[in-house]
Amino acid sequence: MCHANSTHTVPPQRGFTLIETLASALILAILSSIAWASYRDVLLRAHRGEARTALLQLQAAQERHYLDHLRYSGLLEAAPDADGLGLAATTQGGRYSLHLALADDGQHYVASARPASGSPQAADNTCGQFTITESGDTSATSAVCWP
């Protein structure tokens, strides 16, 4: 039985409205995209060392070859007993491909490392190429790439 003077109170509803849920999801999506871009940039910078290391190993192999033959080799992958350096054409992690240009007199070379086709490193627009010469001169696409 209901009295005329009695009031019924509705208990407060708990939970989130659809608008609140969508706003939270949007904020989370924006923060995630920012975090992912930053993480990707960190990975690209970290893997640049792979190119520098491979070029320094190539330079050391060239110096060994020069000691034996009094000239540098233009053959990156050929075995040392076949006048080559015996090195792979890609870096250990497969992120960079190595290239070797030898002068006709065999006294000068330029070795370079470029992001391998299809590699995640191909997205590195800042440091697209690293080079080293027989005299130890190093260069890269940007000054920040090879300090």
N, C-alpha and C. Protein backbone atom coordinates (compact mmCIF):
# COMPACT_ATOMS: atom_id res chain seq x y z
N MET A 1 0.83 -1.16 0.00
CA MET A 1 0.00 0.00 0.00
C MET A 1 0.89 1.23 0.00
N CYS A 2 0.51 2.18 -0.76
CA CYS A 2 1.34 3.34 -0.96
C CYS A 2 0.69 4.53 -0.31
N HIS A 3 1.50 5.29 0.40
CA HIS A 3 1.00 6.50 1.03
C HIS A 3 1.25 7.68 0.12
N ALA A 4 0.44 8.65 0.16
CA ALA A 4 0.52 9.80 -0.72
C ALA A 4 1.75 10.65 -0.41
N ASN A 5 2.17 10.66 0.82
CA ASN A 5 3.30 11.50 1.20
C ASN A 5 4.64 10.77 1.07
N SER A 6 4.69 9.52 0.74
CA SER A 6 5.96 8.80 0.66
C SER A 6 6.64 9.06 -0.68
N THR A 7 7.94 9.13 -0.63
CA THR A 7 8.71 9.32 -1.87
C THR A 7 9.56 8.10 -2.09
N HIS A 8 9.66 7.75 -3.31
CA HIS A 8 10.50 6.61 -3.68
C HIS A 8 11.82 7.15 -4.22
N THR A 9 12.91 6.68 -3.66
CA THR A 9 14.21 7.11 -4.16
C THR A 9 14.77 6.02 -5.07
N VAL A 10 15.32 6.47 -6.15
CA VAL A 10 15.91 5.54 -7.11
C VAL A 10 17.38 5.42 -6.75
N PRO A 11 17.88 4.21 -6.56
CA PRO A 11 19.30 4.07 -6.22
C PRO A 11 20.17 4.59 -7.38
N PRO A 12 21.29 5.21 -7.06
CA PRO A 12 22.15 5.73 -8.13
C PRO A 12 22.68 4.57 -8.98
N GLN A 13 22.74 4.80 -10.29
CA GLN A 13 23.24 3.77 -11.18
C GLN A 13 24.76 3.82 -11.20
N ARG A 14 25.36 2.68 -11.30
CA ARG A 14 26.82 2.59 -11.32
C ARG A 14 27.26 2.12 -12.69
N GLY A 15 28.54 2.48 -13.04
CA GLY A 15 29.07 2.06 -14.33
C GLY A 15 29.37 3.27 -15.19
N PHE A 16 29.74 2.99 -16.41
CA PHE A 16 30.13 4.05 -17.33
C PHE A 16 29.10 4.16 -18.44
N THR A 17 28.92 5.37 -18.90
CA THR A 17 28.03 5.56 -20.04
C THR A 17 28.79 5.21 -21.31
N LEU A 18 28.08 5.08 -22.38
CA LEU A 18 28.70 4.76 -23.66
C LEU A 18 29.66 5.87 -24.09
N ILE A 19 29.30 7.10 -23.87
CA ILE A 19 30.15 8.23 -24.23
C ILE A 19 31.46 8.19 -23.43
N GLU A 20 31.38 7.92 -22.15
CA GLU A 20 32.59 7.83 -21.32
C GLU A 20 33.50 6.69 -21.79
N THR A 21 32.92 5.58 -22.14
CA THR A 21 33.69 4.44 -22.61
C THR A 21 34.38 4.75 -23.95
N LEU A 22 33.66 5.38 -24.86
CA LEU A 22 34.25 5.74 -26.15
C LEU A 22 35.35 6.79 -26.00
N ALA A 23 35.14 7.75 -25.11
CA ALA A 23 36.17 8.77 -24.88
C ALA A 23 37.43 8.13 -24.30
N SER A 24 37.27 7.19 -23.39
CA SER A 24 38.42 6.49 -22.81
C SER A 24 39.15 5.67 -23.88
N ALA A 25 38.42 5.02 -24.73
CA ALA A 25 39.04 4.22 -25.80
C ALA A 25 39.79 5.12 -26.77
N LEU A 26 39.25 6.28 -27.08
CA LEU A 26 39.92 7.22 -27.98
C LEU A 26 41.22 7.72 -27.37
N ILE A 27 41.19 8.08 -26.12
CA ILE A 27 42.41 8.55 -25.44
C ILE A 27 43.45 7.44 -25.41
N LEU A 28 43.05 6.24 -25.11
CA LEU A 28 43.97 5.10 -25.10
C LEU A 28 44.57 4.86 -26.47
N ALA A 29 43.78 4.98 -27.52
CA ALA A 29 44.28 4.78 -28.89
C ALA A 29 45.31 5.84 -29.25
N ILE A 30 45.07 7.08 -28.89
CA ILE A 30 46.02 8.17 -29.18
C ILE A 30 47.33 7.94 -28.44
N LEU A 31 47.25 7.62 -27.17
CA LEU A 31 48.47 7.38 -26.38
C LEU A 31 49.24 6.17 -26.91
N SER A 32 48.54 5.15 -27.33
CA SER A 32 49.21 3.95 -27.88
C SER A 32 49.93 4.27 -29.18
N SER A 33 49.33 5.07 -30.04
CA SER A 33 49.99 5.39 -31.30
C SER A 33 51.24 6.24 -31.07
N ILE A 34 51.21 7.13 -30.11
CA ILE A 34 52.39 7.92 -29.78
C ILE A 34 53.49 7.03 -29.22
N ALA A 35 53.13 6.14 -28.32
CA ALA A 35 54.10 5.23 -27.72
C ALA A 35 54.71 4.30 -28.78
N TRP A 36 53.91 3.79 -29.70
CA TRP A 36 54.40 2.88 -30.74
C TRP A 36 55.40 3.59 -31.64
N ALA A 37 55.11 4.83 -32.03
CA ALA A 37 56.02 5.58 -32.90
C ALA A 37 57.36 5.81 -32.19
N SER A 38 57.31 6.14 -30.93
CA SER A 38 58.55 6.35 -30.17
C SER A 38 59.34 5.06 -30.04
N TYR A 39 58.66 3.96 -29.80
CA TYR A 39 59.32 2.65 -29.67
C TYR A 39 59.98 2.27 -30.99
N ARG A 40 59.30 2.49 -32.10
CA ARG A 40 59.85 2.18 -33.42
C ARG A 40 61.11 2.99 -33.70
N ASP A 41 61.09 4.27 -33.33
CA ASP A 41 62.28 5.11 -33.52
C ASP A 41 63.46 4.62 -32.69
N VAL A 42 63.19 4.16 -31.48
CA VAL A 42 64.26 3.63 -30.63
C VAL A 42 64.85 2.37 -31.26
N LEU A 43 64.01 1.50 -31.80
CA LEU A 43 64.50 0.29 -32.45
C LEU A 43 65.34 0.62 -33.68
N LEU A 44 64.92 1.57 -34.48
CA LEU A 44 65.68 1.95 -35.67
C LEU A 44 67.06 2.47 -35.27
N ARG A 45 67.10 3.33 -34.26
CA ARG A 45 68.39 3.87 -33.80
C ARG A 45 69.28 2.75 -33.25
N ALA A 46 68.70 1.83 -32.52
CA ALA A 46 69.49 0.75 -31.92
C ALA A 46 70.10 -0.16 -32.98
N HIS A 47 69.39 -0.40 -34.06
CA HIS A 47 69.88 -1.31 -35.10
C HIS A 47 70.88 -0.67 -36.05
N ARG A 48 71.06 0.63 -35.96
CA ARG A 48 72.07 1.29 -36.80
C ARG A 48 73.48 0.77 -36.48
N GLY A 49 73.69 0.37 -35.25
CA GLY A 49 74.99 -0.17 -34.85
C GLY A 49 75.36 -1.41 -35.65
N GLU A 50 74.36 -2.14 -36.12
CA GLU A 50 74.61 -3.34 -36.93
C GLU A 50 75.35 -2.97 -38.22
N ALA A 51 74.96 -1.87 -38.84
CA ALA A 51 75.62 -1.42 -40.07
C ALA A 51 77.05 -0.97 -39.78
N ARG A 52 77.23 -0.20 -38.73
CA ARG A 52 78.57 0.29 -38.39
C ARG A 52 79.50 -0.86 -38.06
N THR A 53 79.02 -1.82 -37.29
CA THR A 53 79.84 -2.98 -36.92
C THR A 53 80.25 -3.78 -38.16
N ALA A 54 79.31 -4.01 -39.05
CA ALA A 54 79.62 -4.78 -40.27
C ALA A 54 80.65 -4.06 -41.13
N LEU A 55 80.55 -2.74 -41.23
CA LEU A 55 81.53 -2.00 -42.03
C LEU A 55 82.91 -2.02 -41.39
N LEU A 56 82.97 -1.97 -40.08
CA LEU A 56 84.27 -2.06 -39.40
C LEU A 56 84.88 -3.45 -39.58
N GLN A 57 84.06 -4.49 -39.59
CA GLN A 57 84.56 -5.84 -39.85
C GLN A 57 85.04 -5.97 -41.30
N LEU A 58 84.32 -5.34 -42.21
CA LEU A 58 84.73 -5.34 -43.61
C LEU A 58 86.06 -4.62 -43.77
N GLN A 59 86.22 -3.51 -43.07
CA GLN A 59 87.49 -2.77 -43.13
C GLN A 59 88.64 -3.63 -42.61
N ALA A 60 88.42 -4.33 -41.52
CA ALA A 60 89.46 -5.20 -40.96
C ALA A 60 89.82 -6.32 -41.95
N ALA A 61 88.81 -6.89 -42.61
CA ALA A 61 89.07 -7.93 -43.61
C ALA A 61 89.85 -7.36 -44.80
N GLN A 62 89.54 -6.15 -45.18
CA GLN A 62 90.28 -5.52 -46.28
C GLN A 62 91.75 -5.30 -45.89
N GLU A 63 92.00 -4.90 -44.67
CA GLU A 63 93.38 -4.68 -44.22
C GLU A 63 94.17 -5.99 -44.20
N ARG A 64 93.53 -7.08 -43.77
CA ARG A 64 94.19 -8.38 -43.81
C ARG A 64 94.52 -8.77 -45.25
N HIS A 65 93.57 -8.53 -46.15
CA HIS A 65 93.78 -8.84 -47.56
C HIS A 65 94.92 -7.99 -48.12
N TYR A 66 94.95 -6.74 -47.74
CA TYR A 66 96.00 -5.84 -48.25
C TYR A 66 97.38 -6.31 -47.79
N LEU A 67 97.49 -6.76 -46.56
CA LEU A 67 98.78 -7.25 -46.05
C LEU A 67 99.30 -8.44 -46.87
N ASP A 68 98.39 -9.28 -47.34
CA ASP A 68 98.79 -10.46 -48.11
C ASP A 68 99.02 -10.17 -49.60
N HIS A 69 98.29 -9.20 -50.18
CA HIS A 69 98.29 -9.02 -51.63
C HIS A 69 98.73 -7.63 -52.09
N LEU A 70 98.96 -6.73 -51.16
CA LEU A 70 99.32 -5.33 -51.46
C LEU A 70 98.29 -4.61 -52.33
N ARG A 71 97.06 -5.03 -52.19
CA ARG A 71 95.92 -4.36 -52.83
C ARG A 71 94.65 -4.83 -52.10
N TYR A 72 93.60 -4.05 -52.24
CA TYR A 72 92.33 -4.40 -51.62
C TYR A 72 91.54 -5.31 -52.55
N SER A 73 90.54 -5.96 -52.00
CA SER A 73 89.69 -6.86 -52.78
C SER A 73 88.37 -6.18 -53.13
N GLY A 74 87.87 -6.54 -54.28
CA GLY A 74 86.55 -6.07 -54.69
C GLY A 74 85.50 -7.15 -54.55
N LEU A 75 85.91 -8.31 -54.01
CA LEU A 75 85.03 -9.47 -53.90
C LEU A 75 84.62 -9.66 -52.45
N LEU A 76 83.45 -9.25 -52.13
CA LEU A 76 82.96 -9.30 -50.76
C LEU A 76 82.72 -10.73 -50.28
N GLU A 77 82.04 -11.53 -51.08
CA GLU A 77 81.61 -12.85 -50.63
C GLU A 77 82.56 -13.99 -51.01
N ALA A 78 83.44 -13.75 -51.93
CA ALA A 78 84.35 -14.82 -52.35
C ALA A 78 85.28 -15.20 -51.19
N ALA A 79 85.69 -16.45 -51.18
CA ALA A 79 86.58 -16.94 -50.12
C ALA A 79 87.94 -16.23 -50.19
N PRO A 80 88.61 -16.10 -49.06
CA PRO A 80 89.93 -15.45 -49.06
C PRO A 80 90.94 -16.12 -49.99
N ASP A 81 90.88 -17.44 -50.13
CA ASP A 81 91.83 -18.10 -51.03
C ASP A 81 91.47 -17.89 -52.52
N ALA A 82 90.30 -17.30 -52.76
CA ALA A 82 89.88 -16.96 -54.14
C ALA A 82 89.93 -15.44 -54.33
N ASP A 83 90.80 -14.77 -53.57
CA ASP A 83 91.01 -13.33 -53.66
C ASP A 83 89.84 -12.51 -53.12
N GLY A 84 89.02 -13.11 -52.28
CA GLY A 84 87.87 -12.39 -51.71
C GLY A 84 88.05 -12.13 -50.22
N LEU A 85 87.01 -11.57 -49.64
CA LEU A 85 87.04 -11.25 -48.21
C LEU A 85 86.33 -12.31 -47.36
N GLY A 86 85.51 -13.13 -47.98
CA GLY A 86 84.81 -14.18 -47.24
C GLY A 86 83.73 -13.67 -46.32
N LEU A 87 83.12 -12.55 -46.66
CA LEU A 87 82.07 -11.96 -45.83
C LEU A 87 80.70 -12.12 -46.49
N ALA A 88 79.67 -12.02 -45.68
CA ALA A 88 78.31 -12.09 -46.21
C ALA A 88 77.92 -10.73 -46.80
N ALA A 89 76.97 -10.73 -47.71
CA ALA A 89 76.51 -9.51 -48.36
C ALA A 89 75.46 -8.78 -47.54
N THR A 90 75.04 -9.40 -46.44
CA THR A 90 74.10 -8.74 -45.53
C THR A 90 74.67 -8.80 -44.13
N THR A 91 74.21 -7.89 -43.30
CA THR A 91 74.68 -7.87 -41.91
C THR A 91 74.12 -9.06 -41.16
N GLN A 92 74.65 -9.28 -39.98
CA GLN A 92 74.28 -10.47 -39.21
C GLN A 92 72.78 -10.55 -38.95
N GLY A 93 72.17 -9.43 -38.64
CA GLY A 93 70.73 -9.42 -38.38
C GLY A 93 69.89 -9.32 -39.64
N GLY A 94 70.53 -9.17 -40.80
CA GLY A 94 69.82 -9.09 -42.06
C GLY A 94 69.15 -7.74 -42.32
N ARG A 95 69.46 -6.74 -41.53
CA ARG A 95 68.82 -5.44 -41.68
C ARG A 95 69.48 -4.55 -42.73
N TYR A 96 70.74 -4.83 -43.06
CA TYR A 96 71.48 -4.02 -44.02
C TYR A 96 72.14 -4.91 -45.06
N SER A 97 72.23 -4.39 -46.28
CA SER A 97 73.01 -5.07 -47.31
C SER A 97 74.32 -4.30 -47.48
N LEU A 98 75.40 -5.05 -47.72
CA LEU A 98 76.73 -4.46 -47.85
C LEU A 98 77.12 -4.39 -49.32
N HIS A 99 77.82 -3.32 -49.66
CA HIS A 99 78.26 -3.10 -51.04
C HIS A 99 79.71 -2.65 -51.01
N LEU A 100 80.45 -3.01 -52.03
CA LEU A 100 81.88 -2.71 -52.07
C LEU A 100 82.24 -2.20 -53.46
N ALA A 101 82.84 -1.02 -53.50
CA ALA A 101 83.33 -0.45 -54.76
C ALA A 101 84.84 -0.31 -54.65
N LEU A 102 85.54 -0.92 -55.60
CA LEU A 102 87.00 -0.93 -55.60
C LEU A 102 87.52 -0.10 -56.76
N ALA A 103 88.52 0.73 -56.48
CA ALA A 103 89.17 1.50 -57.56
C ALA A 103 89.94 0.56 -58.46
N ASP A 104 90.14 0.96 -59.70
CA ASP A 104 90.83 0.11 -60.69
C ASP A 104 92.24 -0.29 -60.25
N ASP A 105 92.90 0.58 -59.50
CA ASP A 105 94.27 0.27 -59.08
C ASP A 105 94.33 -0.62 -57.84
N GLY A 106 93.18 -0.91 -57.24
CA GLY A 106 93.13 -1.78 -56.06
C GLY A 106 93.65 -1.13 -54.79
N GLN A 107 93.88 0.17 -54.83
CA GLN A 107 94.45 0.87 -53.68
C GLN A 107 93.40 1.66 -52.90
N HIS A 108 92.19 1.73 -53.40
CA HIS A 108 91.13 2.50 -52.74
C HIS A 108 89.81 1.75 -52.86
N TYR A 109 89.00 1.87 -51.83
CA TYR A 109 87.66 1.27 -51.88
C TYR A 109 86.70 2.11 -51.06
N VAL A 110 85.45 1.94 -51.35
CA VAL A 110 84.37 2.51 -50.55
C VAL A 110 83.40 1.38 -50.27
N ALA A 111 83.17 1.13 -49.00
CA ALA A 111 82.21 0.11 -48.59
C ALA A 111 80.99 0.83 -48.02
N SER A 112 79.82 0.30 -48.32
CA SER A 112 78.61 0.94 -47.83
C SER A 112 77.63 -0.10 -47.29
N ALA A 113 76.80 0.36 -46.39
CA ALA A 113 75.72 -0.46 -45.84
C ALA A 113 74.43 0.32 -46.04
N ARG A 114 73.45 -0.34 -46.66
CA ARG A 114 72.16 0.28 -46.91
C ARG A 114 71.08 -0.63 -46.34
N PRO A 115 69.96 -0.06 -45.88
CA PRO A 115 68.89 -0.92 -45.36
C PRO A 115 68.49 -1.97 -46.40
N ALA A 116 68.40 -3.20 -45.95
CA ALA A 116 68.03 -4.30 -46.85
C ALA A 116 66.58 -4.15 -47.28
N SER A 117 66.32 -4.52 -48.51
CA SER A 117 64.97 -4.46 -49.05
C SER A 117 64.03 -5.33 -48.21
N GLY A 118 62.92 -4.78 -47.82
CA GLY A 118 61.95 -5.52 -47.02
C GLY A 118 62.26 -5.56 -45.54
N SER A 119 63.39 -5.01 -45.16
CA SER A 119 63.77 -4.98 -43.75
C SER A 119 63.05 -3.85 -43.02
N PRO A 120 62.74 -4.02 -41.74
CA PRO A 120 62.14 -2.91 -40.99
C PRO A 120 63.05 -1.67 -40.99
N GLN A 121 64.33 -1.88 -41.18
CA GLN A 121 65.28 -0.77 -41.17
C GLN A 121 65.10 0.13 -42.39
N ALA A 122 64.42 -0.35 -43.41
CA ALA A 122 64.16 0.47 -44.61
C ALA A 122 63.31 1.69 -44.27
N ALA A 123 62.64 1.68 -43.14
CA ALA A 123 61.84 2.83 -42.70
C ALA A 123 62.69 3.91 -42.04
N ASP A 124 63.98 3.66 -41.90
CA ASP A 124 64.88 4.63 -41.26
C ASP A 124 65.25 5.72 -42.27
N ASN A 125 64.50 6.79 -42.30
CA ASN A 125 64.73 7.87 -43.24
C ASN A 125 65.90 8.76 -42.82
N THR A 126 66.28 8.71 -41.56
CA THR A 126 67.36 9.56 -41.08
C THR A 126 68.72 9.01 -41.48
N CYS A 127 68.90 7.72 -41.37
CA CYS A 127 70.20 7.10 -41.65
C CYS A 127 70.05 6.00 -42.69
N GLY A 128 69.92 6.40 -43.94
CA GLY A 128 69.69 5.44 -45.00
C GLY A 128 70.94 4.74 -45.50
N GLN A 129 72.12 5.34 -45.29
CA GLN A 129 73.34 4.72 -45.80
C GLN A 129 74.53 5.09 -44.93
N PHE A 130 75.41 4.11 -44.74
CA PHE A 130 76.66 4.30 -44.01
C PHE A 130 77.79 3.92 -44.96
N THR A 131 78.92 4.64 -44.90
CA THR A 131 80.07 4.30 -45.73
C THR A 131 81.36 4.38 -44.93
N ILE A 132 82.35 3.64 -45.42
CA ILE A 132 83.70 3.69 -44.87
C ILE A 132 84.68 3.50 -46.03
N THR A 133 85.82 4.16 -45.95
CA THR A 133 86.82 4.06 -47.01
C THR A 133 88.07 3.38 -46.47
N GLU A 134 89.04 3.13 -47.37
CA GLU A 134 90.29 2.48 -46.98
C GLU A 134 91.07 3.32 -45.98
N SER A 135 90.87 4.62 -45.98
CA SER A 135 91.59 5.48 -45.04
C SER A 135 90.87 5.62 -43.71
N GLY A 136 89.71 4.95 -43.56
CA GLY A 136 88.96 5.00 -42.31
C GLY A 136 87.97 6.13 -42.24
N ASP A 137 87.81 6.90 -43.33
CA ASP A 137 86.82 7.97 -43.34
C ASP A 137 85.42 7.35 -43.34
N THR A 138 84.61 7.82 -42.43
CA THR A 138 83.25 7.32 -42.32
C THR A 138 82.26 8.43 -42.62
N SER A 139 81.13 8.05 -43.17
CA SER A 139 80.07 9.01 -43.41
C SER A 139 78.73 8.29 -43.38
N ALA A 140 77.69 9.08 -43.31
CA ALA A 140 76.33 8.52 -43.30
C ALA A 140 75.40 9.59 -43.84
N THR A 141 74.17 9.19 -44.03
CA THR A 141 73.17 10.09 -44.57
C THR A 141 73.06 11.36 -43.74
N SER A 142 73.19 11.23 -42.44
CA SER A 142 73.11 12.37 -41.52
C SER A 142 74.27 12.28 -40.53
N ALA A 143 74.68 13.41 -40.01
CA ALA A 143 75.81 13.45 -39.08
C ALA A 143 75.53 12.69 -37.78
N VAL A 144 74.28 12.53 -37.41
CA VAL A 144 73.93 11.83 -36.17
C VAL A 144 74.02 10.32 -36.31
N CYS A 145 74.18 9.83 -37.53
CA CYS A 145 74.16 8.39 -37.77
C CYS A 145 75.45 7.69 -37.37
N TRP A 146 76.56 8.33 -37.64
CA TRP A 146 77.85 7.70 -37.33
C TRP A 146 78.70 8.74 -36.62
N PRO A 147 78.54 8.79 -35.30
CA PRO A 147 79.26 9.84 -34.53
C PRO A 147 80.76 9.62 -34.53
